[in-house]
């Protein structure tokens, strides 16, 4: 199934991040700072793909 394959590749990321990945926005990038990261669901993709990741959120 296509949905399962996409979830395995990208995890539970939001649609905005998925759009940016498809557009190549992060090609050539090695470091990611997610301001307002919440629980970090969008960071999982980057961690699994060798990025150096930083996340901050005002809510502990």
C-alpha atoms as a PDB file:
ATOM      1  CA  UNK A   1       0.000   0.000   0.000  1.00  0.00           C
ATOM      2  CA  UNK A   2       1.229   3.455  -0.854  1.00  0.00           C
ATOM      3  CA  UNK A   3       0.145   4.964   2.484  1.00  0.00           C
ATOM      4  CA  UNK A   4       2.149   2.434   4.493  1.00  0.00           C
ATOM      5  CA  UNK A   5       5.227   2.974   2.319  1.00  0.00           C
ATOM      6  CA  UNK A   6       5.030   6.745   2.768  1.00  0.00           C
ATOM      7  CA  UNK A   7       4.618   6.378   6.524  1.00  0.00           C
ATOM      8  CA  UNK A   8       7.637   4.092   6.676  1.00  0.00           C
ATOM      9  CA  UNK A   9       9.720   6.581   4.692  1.00  0.00           C
ATOM     10  CA  UNK A  10       8.557   9.825   6.289  1.00  0.00           C
ATOM     11  CA  UNK A  11       6.892   8.944   9.587  1.00  0.00           C
ATOM     12  CA  UNK A  12       4.111  11.085  11.027  1.00  0.00           C
ATOM     13  CA  UNK A  13       5.271  14.431   9.607  1.00  0.00           C
ATOM     14  CA  UNK A  14       2.865  17.238   8.836  1.00  0.00           C
ATOM     15  CA  UNK A  15       1.813  18.071   5.275  1.00  0.00           C
ATOM     16  CA  UNK A  16       3.852  21.304   5.146  1.00  0.00           C
ATOM     17  CA  UNK A  17       7.098  19.452   5.859  1.00  0.00           C
ATOM     18  CA  UNK A  18       6.181  16.729   3.359  1.00  0.00           C
ATOM     19  CA  UNK A  19       5.656  19.434   0.715  1.00  0.00           C
ATOM     20  CA  UNK A  20       9.035  21.003   1.495  1.00  0.00           C
ATOM     21  CA  UNK A  21      10.793  17.638   1.284  1.00  0.00           C
ATOM     22  CA  UNK A  22       9.220  16.943  -2.111  1.00  0.00           C
ATOM     23  CA  UNK A  23      10.356  20.378  -3.335  1.00  0.00           C
ATOM     24  CA  UNK A  24      13.950  19.666  -2.236  1.00  0.00           C
ATOM     25  CA  UNK A  25      14.059  22.498   0.289  1.00  0.00           C
ATOM     26  CA  UNK A  26      16.413  20.545   2.568  1.00  0.00           C
ATOM     27  CA  UNK A  27      18.713  19.152  -0.123  1.00  0.00           C
ATOM     28  CA  UNK A  28      22.286  19.937   0.854  1.00  0.00           C
ATOM     29  CA  UNK A  29      21.244  20.747   4.417  1.00  0.00           C
ATOM     30  CA  UNK A  30      22.884  18.947   7.324  1.00  0.00           C
ATOM     31  CA  UNK A  31      21.532  20.822  10.355  1.00  0.00           C
ATOM     32  CA  UNK A  32      17.914  21.439  11.298  1.00  0.00           C
ATOM     33  CA  UNK A  33      16.503  23.730  13.983  1.00  0.00           C
ATOM     34  CA  UNK A  34      12.808  23.225  14.704  1.00  0.00           C
ATOM     35  CA  UNK A  35      11.492  26.153  16.745  1.00  0.00           C
ATOM     36  CA  UNK A  36       8.208  25.215  18.376  1.00  0.00           C
ATOM     37  CA  UNK A  37       8.908  21.521  17.855  1.00  0.00           C
ATOM     38  CA  UNK A  38       6.341  20.246  20.358  1.00  0.00           C
ATOM     39  CA  UNK A  39       6.863  16.507  20.729  1.00  0.00           C
ATOM     40  CA  UNK A  40       9.282  16.476  17.788  1.00  0.00           C
ATOM     41  CA  UNK A  41       7.222  14.485  15.290  1.00  0.00           C
ATOM     42  CA  UNK A  42       8.739  16.378  12.348  1.00  0.00           C
ATOM     43  CA  UNK A  43      12.263  15.783  13.610  1.00  0.00           C
ATOM     44  CA  UNK A  44      12.080  11.989  13.382  1.00  0.00           C
ATOM     45  CA  UNK A  45      12.514  12.040   9.595  1.00  0.00           C
ATOM     46  CA  UNK A  46      15.640  14.183   9.885  1.00  0.00           C
ATOM     47  CA  UNK A  47      17.118  12.073  12.682  1.00  0.00           C
ATOM     48  CA  UNK A  48      16.578   8.882  10.697  1.00  0.00           C
ATOM     49  CA  UNK A  49      18.286  10.423   7.685  1.00  0.00           C
ATOM     50  CA  UNK A  50      21.519  11.586   9.311  1.00  0.00           C
ATOM     51  CA  UNK A  51      20.750  15.243   9.978  1.00  0.00           C
ATOM     52  CA  UNK A  52      22.028  17.036  13.053  1.00  0.00           C
ATOM     53  CA  UNK A  53      18.809  18.091  14.741  1.00  0.00           C
ATOM     54  CA  UNK A  54      17.939  20.714  17.347  1.00  0.00           C
ATOM     55  CA  UNK A  55      14.474  21.412  18.691  1.00  0.00           C
ATOM     56  CA  UNK A  56      13.177  24.018  21.103  1.00  0.00           C
ATOM     57  CA  UNK A  57       9.716  24.549  22.491  1.00  0.00           C
ATOM     58  CA  UNK A  58       8.514  26.857  25.287  1.00  0.00           C
ATOM     59  CA  UNK A  59       6.308  24.077  26.653  1.00  0.00           C
ATOM     60  CA  UNK A  60       8.389  21.428  28.479  1.00  0.00           C
END
